[in-house]
């Protein structure tokens, strides 16, 4: 995250997760967390967004909540990453 402007500022950096190949229908992207970042003019900072794995759970046909195994894609601000739930 970088502040390219001339003054200090604060921004919210969201984190979205999606599962491109899910065994059940899933939303295109789910916001699972965010962090607020304060930056002075010209400052850049590495940010971390933490979320609970339980936030990936979906309600399946019998009403139980389950975390689908497989590959997920995460987007934090403008950065993409991938992870696997086993």
PDB file of N, CA and C in Angstrom:
ATOM      1  N   UNK A   1       0.863  -1.151   0.000  1.00  0.00           N
ATOM      2  CA  UNK A   1       0.000   0.000   0.000  1.00  0.00           C
ATOM      3  C   UNK A   1       0.913   1.219   0.000  1.00  0.00           C
ATOM      4  N   UNK A   2       0.599   2.206  -0.834  1.00  0.00           N
ATOM      5  CA  UNK A   2       1.432   3.409  -0.919  1.00  0.00           C
ATOM      6  C   UNK A   2       0.562   4.653  -1.030  1.00  0.00           C
ATOM      7  N   UNK A   3       1.016   5.717  -0.405  1.00  0.00           N
ATOM      8  CA  UNK A   3       0.365   7.012  -0.511  1.00  0.00           C
ATOM      9  C   UNK A   3       1.196   7.843  -1.483  1.00  0.00           C
ATOM     10  N   UNK A   4       0.695   8.030  -2.674  1.00  0.00           N
ATOM     11  CA  UNK A   4       1.422   8.790  -3.693  1.00  0.00           C
ATOM     12  C   UNK A   4       1.013  10.262  -3.700  1.00  0.00           C
ATOM     13  N   UNK A   5       0.108  10.626  -2.787  1.00  0.00           N
ATOM     14  CA  UNK A   5      -0.361  12.007  -2.723  1.00  0.00           C
ATOM     15  C   UNK A   5       0.562  12.903  -1.912  1.00  0.00           C
ATOM     16  N   UNK A   6       0.157  14.159  -1.771  1.00  0.00           N
ATOM     17  CA  UNK A   6       0.964  15.143  -1.078  1.00  0.00           C
ATOM     18  C   UNK A   6       0.638  15.301   0.392  1.00  0.00           C
ATOM     19  N   UNK A   7      -0.390  14.609   0.887  1.00  0.00           N
ATOM     20  CA  UNK A   7      -0.777  14.752   2.294  1.00  0.00           C
ATOM     21  C   UNK A   7      -1.026  13.401   2.942  1.00  0.00           C
ATOM     22  N   UNK A   8      -1.122  13.417   4.249  1.00  0.00           N
ATOM     23  CA  UNK A   8      -1.408  12.188   4.996  1.00  0.00           C
ATOM     24  C   UNK A   8      -2.841  11.745   4.734  1.00  0.00           C
ATOM     25  N   UNK A   9      -3.080  10.472   4.885  1.00  0.00           N
ATOM     26  CA  UNK A   9      -4.426   9.960   4.660  1.00  0.00           C
ATOM     27  C   UNK A   9      -4.615   8.595   5.273  1.00  0.00           C
ATOM     28  N   UNK A  10      -5.858   8.157   5.279  1.00  0.00           N
ATOM     29  CA  UNK A  10      -6.233   6.843   5.789  1.00  0.00           C
ATOM     30  C   UNK A  10      -7.062   6.153   4.726  1.00  0.00           C
ATOM     31  N   UNK A  11      -6.851   4.855   4.561  1.00  0.00           N
ATOM     32  CA  UNK A  11      -7.643   4.091   3.599  1.00  0.00           C
ATOM     33  C   UNK A  11      -8.007   2.745   4.213  1.00  0.00           C
ATOM     34  N   UNK A  12      -9.031   2.142   3.670  1.00  0.00           N
ATOM     35  CA  UNK A  12      -9.461   0.808   4.080  1.00  0.00           C
ATOM     36  C   UNK A  12      -9.010  -0.162   2.998  1.00  0.00           C
ATOM     37  N   UNK A  13      -8.322  -1.229   3.400  1.00  0.00           N
ATOM     38  CA  UNK A  13      -7.867  -2.255   2.462  1.00  0.00           C
ATOM     39  C   UNK A  13      -8.720  -3.499   2.700  1.00  0.00           C
ATOM     40  N   UNK A  14      -9.613  -3.852   1.754  1.00  0.00           N
ATOM     41  CA  UNK A  14     -10.467  -5.022   1.934  1.00  0.00           C
ATOM     42  C   UNK A  14      -9.786  -6.310   1.462  1.00  0.00           C
ATOM     43  N   UNK A  15     -10.270  -7.442   1.972  1.00  0.00           N
ATOM     44  CA  UNK A  15      -9.825  -8.747   1.496  1.00  0.00           C
ATOM     45  C   UNK A  15     -11.056  -9.524   1.038  1.00  0.00           C
ATOM     46  N   UNK A  16     -11.003  -9.988  -0.207  1.00  0.00           N
ATOM     47  CA  UNK A  16     -12.072 -10.788  -0.794  1.00  0.00           C
ATOM     48  C   UNK A  16     -11.530 -12.177  -1.111  1.00  0.00           C
ATOM     49  N   UNK A  17     -12.376 -13.195  -0.937  1.00  0.00           N
ATOM     50  CA  UNK A  17     -11.996 -14.575  -1.238  1.00  0.00           C
ATOM     51  C   UNK A  17     -13.060 -15.173  -2.137  1.00  0.00           C
ATOM     52  N   UNK A  18     -12.607 -15.979  -3.098  1.00  0.00           N
ATOM     53  CA  UNK A  18     -13.551 -16.723  -3.943  1.00  0.00           C
ATOM     54  C   UNK A  18     -12.978 -18.103  -4.200  1.00  0.00           C
ATOM     55  N   UNK A  19     -13.846 -19.031  -4.520  1.00  0.00           N
ATOM     56  CA  UNK A  19     -13.427 -20.388  -4.860  1.00  0.00           C
ATOM     57  C   UNK A  19     -13.872 -20.656  -6.290  1.00  0.00           C
ATOM     58  N   UNK A  20     -12.944 -20.514  -7.255  1.00  0.00           N
ATOM     59  CA  UNK A  20     -13.317 -20.639  -8.667  1.00  0.00           C
ATOM     60  C   UNK A  20     -13.938 -21.985  -9.040  1.00  0.00           C
ATOM     61  N   UNK A  21     -13.470 -23.079  -8.460  1.00  0.00           N
ATOM     62  CA  UNK A  21     -13.993 -24.407  -8.797  1.00  0.00           C
ATOM     63  C   UNK A  21     -14.570 -25.028  -7.527  1.00  0.00           C
ATOM     64  N   UNK A  22     -15.804 -24.683  -7.218  1.00  0.00           N
ATOM     65  CA  UNK A  22     -16.446 -25.154  -5.988  1.00  0.00           C
ATOM     66  C   UNK A  22     -17.417 -26.284  -6.297  1.00  0.00           C
ATOM     67  N   UNK A  23     -17.532 -27.272  -5.383  1.00  0.00           N
ATOM     68  CA  UNK A  23     -18.501 -28.351  -5.577  1.00  0.00           C
ATOM     69  C   UNK A  23     -19.946 -27.882  -5.396  1.00  0.00           C
ATOM     70  N   UNK A  24     -20.140 -26.715  -4.805  1.00  0.00           N
ATOM     71  CA  UNK A  24     -21.472 -26.131  -4.630  1.00  0.00           C
ATOM     72  C   UNK A  24     -21.432 -24.698  -5.146  1.00  0.00           C
ATOM     73  N   UNK A  25     -22.583 -24.136  -5.519  1.00  0.00           N
ATOM     74  CA  UNK A  25     -22.581 -22.744  -5.990  1.00  0.00           C
ATOM     75  C   UNK A  25     -22.070 -21.802  -4.892  1.00  0.00           C
ATOM     76  N   UNK A  26     -21.178 -20.897  -5.255  1.00  0.00           N
ATOM     77  CA  UNK A  26     -20.620 -19.936  -4.307  1.00  0.00           C
ATOM     78  C   UNK A  26     -20.694 -18.532  -4.886  1.00  0.00           C
ATOM     79  N   UNK A  27     -20.667 -17.521  -4.039  1.00  0.00           N
ATOM     80  CA  UNK A  27     -20.650 -16.144  -4.540  1.00  0.00           C
ATOM     81  C   UNK A  27     -19.370 -15.887  -5.333  1.00  0.00           C
ATOM     82  N   UNK A  28     -19.405 -14.927  -6.243  1.00  0.00           N
ATOM     83  CA  UNK A  28     -18.207 -14.569  -7.015  1.00  0.00           C
ATOM     84  C   UNK A  28     -17.069 -14.168  -6.090  1.00  0.00           C
ATOM     85  N   UNK A  29     -17.375 -13.433  -5.038  1.00  0.00           N
ATOM     86  CA  UNK A  29     -16.356 -13.028  -4.069  1.00  0.00           C
ATOM     87  C   UNK A  29     -17.049 -12.700  -2.754  1.00  0.00           C
ATOM     88  N   UNK A  30     -16.392 -13.045  -1.658  1.00  0.00           N
ATOM     89  CA  UNK A  30     -16.920 -12.736  -0.331  1.00  0.00           C
ATOM     90  C   UNK A  30     -15.885 -11.919   0.424  1.00  0.00           C
ATOM     91  N   UNK A  31     -16.319 -10.811   1.013  1.00  0.00           N
ATOM     92  CA  UNK A  31     -15.385 -10.031   1.823  1.00  0.00           C
ATOM     93  C   UNK A  31     -15.235 -10.743   3.163  1.00  0.00           C
ATOM     94  N   UNK A  32     -14.000 -11.101   3.493  1.00  0.00           N
ATOM     95  CA  UNK A  32     -13.744 -11.840   4.732  1.00  0.00           C
ATOM     96  C   UNK A  32     -12.985 -11.006   5.756  1.00  0.00           C
ATOM     97  N   UNK A  33     -12.515  -9.835   5.364  1.00  0.00           N
ATOM     98  CA  UNK A  33     -11.801  -8.990   6.306  1.00  0.00           C
ATOM     99  C   UNK A  33     -11.354  -7.692   5.675  1.00  0.00           C
ATOM    100  N   UNK A  34     -10.808  -6.841   6.521  1.00  0.00           N
ATOM    101  CA  UNK A  34     -10.261  -5.570   6.047  1.00  0.00           C
ATOM    102  C   UNK A  34      -9.332  -5.031   7.119  1.00  0.00           C
ATOM    103  N   UNK A  35      -8.538  -4.057   6.739  1.00  0.00           N
ATOM    104  CA  UNK A  35      -7.701  -3.345   7.690  1.00  0.00           C
ATOM    105  C   UNK A  35      -7.677  -1.873   7.308  1.00  0.00           C
ATOM    106  N   UNK A  36      -7.567  -1.024   8.314  1.00  0.00           N
ATOM    107  CA  UNK A  36      -7.464   0.425   8.092  1.00  0.00           C
ATOM    108  C   UNK A  36      -5.985   0.794   8.149  1.00  0.00           C
ATOM    109  N   UNK A  37      -5.527   1.574   7.183  1.00  0.00           N
ATOM    110  CA  UNK A  37      -4.118   1.935   7.088  1.00  0.00           C
ATOM    111  C   UNK A  37      -3.989   3.456   7.034  1.00  0.00           C
ATOM    112  N   UNK A  38      -3.162   3.997   7.913  1.00  0.00           N
ATOM    113  CA  UNK A  38      -2.846   5.418   7.893  1.00  0.00           C
ATOM    114  C   UNK A  38      -1.453   5.602   7.299  1.00  0.00           C
ATOM    115  N   UNK A  39      -1.334   6.505   6.331  1.00  0.00           N
ATOM    116  CA  UNK A  39      -0.049   6.737   5.662  1.00  0.00           C
ATOM    117  C   UNK A  39       0.229   8.230   5.569  1.00  0.00           C
ATOM    118  N   UNK A  40       1.471   8.605   5.806  1.00  0.00           N
ATOM    119  CA  UNK A  40       1.884   9.981   5.575  1.00  0.00           C
ATOM    120  C   UNK A  40       2.204  10.141   4.091  1.00  0.00           C
ATOM    121  N   UNK A  41       2.386  11.360   3.652  1.00  0.00           N
ATOM    122  CA  UNK A  41       2.686  11.621   2.236  1.00  0.00           C
ATOM    123  C   UNK A  41       3.942  10.859   1.816  1.00  0.00           C
ATOM    124  N   UNK A  42       3.834  10.115   0.713  1.00  0.00           N
ATOM    125  CA  UNK A  42       4.967   9.371   0.175  1.00  0.00           C
ATOM    126  C   UNK A  42       5.305   8.066   0.893  1.00  0.00           C
ATOM    127  N   UNK A  43       4.595   7.757   1.969  1.00  0.00           N
ATOM    128  CA  UNK A  43       4.891   6.539   2.739  1.00  0.00           C
ATOM    129  C   UNK A  43       4.263   5.309   2.086  1.00  0.00           C
ATOM    130  N   UNK A  44       4.945   4.185   2.191  1.00  0.00           N
ATOM    131  CA  UNK A  44       4.361   2.912   1.773  1.00  0.00           C
ATOM    132  C   UNK A  44       4.505   1.936   2.931  1.00  0.00           C
ATOM    133  N   UNK A  45       3.600   0.970   2.969  1.00  0.00           N
ATOM    134  CA  UNK A  45       3.527   0.053   4.092  1.00  0.00           C
ATOM    135  C   UNK A  45       3.013  -1.294   3.601  1.00  0.00           C
ATOM    136  N   UNK A  46       3.553  -2.356   4.164  1.00  0.00           N
ATOM    137  CA  UNK A  46       3.013  -3.686   3.907  1.00  0.00           C
ATOM    138  C   UNK A  46       1.871  -3.890   4.889  1.00  0.00           C
ATOM    139  N   UNK A  47       0.740  -4.404   4.400  1.00  0.00           N
ATOM    140  CA  UNK A  47      -0.413  -4.606   5.284  1.00  0.00           C
ATOM    141  C   UNK A  47      -0.746  -6.092   5.370  1.00  0.00           C
ATOM    142  N   UNK A  48      -1.394  -6.453   6.447  1.00  0.00           N
ATOM    143  CA  UNK A  48      -1.816  -7.834   6.681  1.00  0.00           C
ATOM    144  C   UNK A  48      -3.291  -7.810   7.040  1.00  0.00           C
ATOM    145  N   UNK A  49      -4.059  -8.691   6.420  1.00  0.00           N
ATOM    146  CA  UNK A  49      -5.470  -8.834   6.739  1.00  0.00           C
ATOM    147  C   UNK A  49      -5.664 -10.262   7.228  1.00  0.00           C
ATOM    148  N   UNK A  50      -6.207 -10.411   8.419  1.00  0.00           N
ATOM    149  CA  UNK A  50      -6.402 -11.717   9.034  1.00  0.00           C
ATOM    150  C   UNK A  50      -7.896 -12.033   9.033  1.00  0.00           C
ATOM    151  N   UNK A  51      -8.220 -13.295   8.753  1.00  0.00           N
ATOM    152  CA  UNK A  51      -9.620 -13.724   8.826  1.00  0.00           C
ATOM    153  C   UNK A  51      -9.675 -15.140   9.374  1.00  0.00           C
ATOM    154  N   UNK A  52     -10.843 -15.527   9.885  1.00  0.00           N
ATOM    155  CA  UNK A  52     -11.051 -16.881  10.406  1.00  0.00           C
ATOM    156  C   UNK A  52     -11.445 -17.808   9.259  1.00  0.00           C
ATOM    157  N   UNK A  53     -10.879 -18.984   9.253  1.00  0.00           N
ATOM    158  CA  UNK A  53     -11.202 -19.970   8.223  1.00  0.00           C
ATOM    159  C   UNK A  53     -12.704 -20.261   8.204  1.00  0.00           C
ATOM    160  N   UNK A  54     -13.354 -20.182   9.349  1.00  0.00           N
ATOM    161  CA  UNK A  54     -14.799 -20.444   9.434  1.00  0.00           C
ATOM    162  C   UNK A  54     -15.606 -19.481   8.566  1.00  0.00           C
ATOM    163  N   UNK A  55     -15.030 -18.345   8.184  1.00  0.00           N
ATOM    164  CA  UNK A  55     -15.734 -17.401   7.326  1.00  0.00           C
ATOM    165  C   UNK A  55     -15.908 -17.936   5.903  1.00  0.00           C
ATOM    166  N   UNK A  56     -15.210 -19.018   5.558  1.00  0.00           N
ATOM    167  CA  UNK A  56     -15.359 -19.633   4.237  1.00  0.00           C
ATOM    168  C   UNK A  56     -16.478 -20.663   4.205  1.00  0.00           C
ATOM    169  N   UNK A  57     -17.073 -20.954   5.359  1.00  0.00           N
ATOM    170  CA  UNK A  57     -18.116 -21.988   5.433  1.00  0.00           C
ATOM    171  C   UNK A  57     -19.358 -21.578   4.651  1.00  0.00           C
ATOM    172  N   UNK A  58     -19.954 -22.571   3.996  1.00  0.00           N
ATOM    173  CA  UNK A  58     -21.206 -22.384   3.258  1.00  0.00           C
ATOM    174  C   UNK A  58     -22.244 -23.327   3.841  1.00  0.00           C
ATOM    175  N   UNK A  59     -23.504 -22.965   3.729  1.00  0.00           N
ATOM    176  CA  UNK A  59     -24.578 -23.842   4.172  1.00  0.00           C
ATOM    177  C   UNK A  59     -24.892 -24.802   3.045  1.00  0.00           C
ATOM    178  N   UNK A  60     -24.769 -26.107   3.332  1.00  0.00           N
ATOM    179  CA  UNK A  60     -25.047 -27.116   2.314  1.00  0.00           C
ATOM    180  C   UNK A  60     -26.486 -27.601   2.452  1.00  0.00           C
ATOM    181  N   UNK A  61     -26.915 -28.500   1.575  1.00  0.00           N
ATOM    182  CA  UNK A  61     -28.298 -28.925   1.468  1.00  0.00           C
ATOM    183  C   UNK A  61     -28.989 -29.325   2.757  1.00  0.00           C
ATOM    184  N   UNK A  62     -28.289 -29.960   3.683  1.00  0.00           N
ATOM    185  CA  UNK A  62     -28.943 -30.414   4.911  1.00  0.00           C
ATOM    186  C   UNK A  62     -28.923 -29.363   6.017  1.00  0.00           C
ATOM    187  N   UNK A  63     -28.503 -28.139   5.694  1.00  0.00           N
ATOM    188  CA  UNK A  63     -28.500 -27.051   6.661  1.00  0.00           C
ATOM    189  C   UNK A  63     -27.222 -26.937   7.471  1.00  0.00           C
ATOM    190  N   UNK A  64     -26.288 -27.864   7.292  1.00  0.00           N
ATOM    191  CA  UNK A  64     -25.018 -27.796   8.010  1.00  0.00           C
ATOM    192  C   UNK A  64     -24.076 -26.828   7.301  1.00  0.00           C
ATOM    193  N   UNK A  65     -23.206 -26.204   8.079  1.00  0.00           N
ATOM    194  CA  UNK A  65     -22.189 -25.319   7.488  1.00  0.00           C
ATOM    195  C   UNK A  65     -20.917 -26.108   7.311  1.00  0.00           C
ATOM    196  N   UNK A  66     -20.323 -25.969   6.141  1.00  0.00           N
ATOM    197  CA  UNK A  66     -19.133 -26.741   5.789  1.00  0.00           C
ATOM    198  C   UNK A  66     -18.156 -25.870   5.006  1.00  0.00           C
ATOM    199  N   UNK A  67     -16.863 -26.075   5.257  1.00  0.00           N
ATOM    200  CA  UNK A  67     -15.831 -25.392   4.491  1.00  0.00           C
ATOM    201  C   UNK A  67     -15.415 -26.333   3.368  1.00  0.00           C
ATOM    202  N   UNK A  68     -15.657 -25.908   2.136  1.00  0.00           N
ATOM    203  CA  UNK A  68     -15.322 -26.747   0.988  1.00  0.00           C
ATOM    204  C   UNK A  68     -13.808 -26.824   0.831  1.00  0.00           C
ATOM    205  N   UNK A  69     -13.312 -28.014   0.616  1.00  0.00           N
ATOM    206  CA  UNK A  69     -11.882 -28.189   0.356  1.00  0.00           C
ATOM    207  C   UNK A  69     -11.576 -27.748  -1.057  1.00  0.00           C
ATOM    208  N   UNK A  70     -10.336 -27.368  -1.276  1.00  0.00           N
ATOM    209  CA  UNK A  70      -9.929 -26.996  -2.624  1.00  0.00           C
ATOM    210  C   UNK A  70      -9.186 -25.690  -2.666  1.00  0.00           C
ATOM    211  N   UNK A  71      -9.032 -25.185  -3.869  1.00  0.00           N
ATOM    212  CA  UNK A  71      -8.237 -24.001  -4.160  1.00  0.00           C
ATOM    213  C   UNK A  71      -9.091 -22.753  -4.034  1.00  0.00           C
ATOM    214  N   UNK A  72      -8.565 -21.736  -3.364  1.00  0.00           N
ATOM    215  CA  UNK A  72      -9.237 -20.450  -3.206  1.00  0.00           C
ATOM    216  C   UNK A  72      -8.333 -19.355  -3.758  1.00  0.00           C
ATOM    217  N   UNK A  73      -8.951 -18.260  -4.143  1.00  0.00           N
ATOM    218  CA  UNK A  73      -8.216 -17.094  -4.597  1.00  0.00           C
ATOM    219  C   UNK A  73      -8.546 -15.945  -3.647  1.00  0.00           C
ATOM    220  N   UNK A  74      -7.521 -15.227  -3.201  1.00  0.00           N
ATOM    221  CA  UNK A  74      -7.713 -14.094  -2.299  1.00  0.00           C
ATOM    222  C   UNK A  74      -7.220 -12.827  -2.978  1.00  0.00           C
ATOM    223  N   UNK A  75      -7.948 -11.738  -2.762  1.00  0.00           N
ATOM    224  CA  UNK A  75      -7.549 -10.438  -3.280  1.00  0.00           C
ATOM    225  C   UNK A  75      -7.522  -9.471  -2.100  1.00  0.00           C
ATOM    226  N   UNK A  76      -6.335  -8.914  -1.837  1.00  0.00           N
ATOM    227  CA  UNK A  76      -6.166  -7.918  -0.777  1.00  0.00           C
ATOM    228  C   UNK A  76      -5.770  -6.619  -1.459  1.00  0.00           C
ATOM    229  N   UNK A  77      -6.658  -5.642  -1.418  1.00  0.00           N
ATOM    230  CA  UNK A  77      -6.400  -4.399  -2.164  1.00  0.00           C
ATOM    231  C   UNK A  77      -6.294  -4.740  -3.635  1.00  0.00           C
ATOM    232  N   UNK A  78      -5.143  -4.502  -4.241  1.00  0.00           N
ATOM    233  CA  UNK A  78      -4.922  -4.807  -5.655  1.00  0.00           C
ATOM    234  C   UNK A  78      -4.069  -6.063  -5.847  1.00  0.00           C
ATOM    235  N   UNK A  79      -3.717  -6.745  -4.758  1.00  0.00           N
ATOM    236  CA  UNK A  79      -2.837  -7.919  -4.835  1.00  0.00           C
ATOM    237  C   UNK A  79      -3.645  -9.208  -4.800  1.00  0.00           C
ATOM    238  N   UNK A  80      -3.243 -10.185  -5.635  1.00  0.00           N
ATOM    239  CA  UNK A  80      -3.903 -11.494  -5.665  1.00  0.00           C
ATOM    240  C   UNK A  80      -2.981 -12.550  -5.083  1.00  0.00           C
ATOM    241  N   UNK A  81      -3.580 -13.563  -4.471  1.00  0.00           N
ATOM    242  CA  UNK A  81      -2.832 -14.712  -3.947  1.00  0.00           C
ATOM    243  C   UNK A  81      -3.760 -15.919  -4.005  1.00  0.00           C
ATOM    244  N   UNK A  82      -3.202 -17.092  -3.843  1.00  0.00           N
ATOM    245  CA  UNK A  82      -4.006 -18.317  -3.842  1.00  0.00           C
ATOM    246  C   UNK A  82      -3.629 -19.148  -2.632  1.00  0.00           C
ATOM    247  N   UNK A  83      -4.591 -19.955  -2.137  1.00  0.00           N
ATOM    248  CA  UNK A  83      -4.321 -20.885  -1.056  1.00  0.00           C
ATOM    249  C   UNK A  83      -5.240 -22.083  -1.189  1.00  0.00           C
ATOM    250  N   UNK A  84      -4.899 -23.156  -0.512  1.00  0.00           N
ATOM    251  CA  UNK A  84      -5.661 -24.406  -0.586  1.00  0.00           C
ATOM    252  C   UNK A  84      -6.162 -24.786   0.791  1.00  0.00           C
ATOM    253  N   UNK A  85      -7.417 -25.223   0.883  1.00  0.00           N
ATOM    254  CA  UNK A  85      -7.984 -25.760   2.113  1.00  0.00           C
ATOM    255  C   UNK A  85      -8.017 -27.271   1.934  1.00  0.00           C
ATOM    256  N   UNK A  86      -7.397 -28.000   2.853  1.00  0.00           N
ATOM    257  CA  UNK A  86      -7.345 -29.464   2.757  1.00  0.00           C
ATOM    258  C   UNK A  86      -8.187 -30.120   3.805  1.00  0.00           C
TER     259      UNK A  86
END
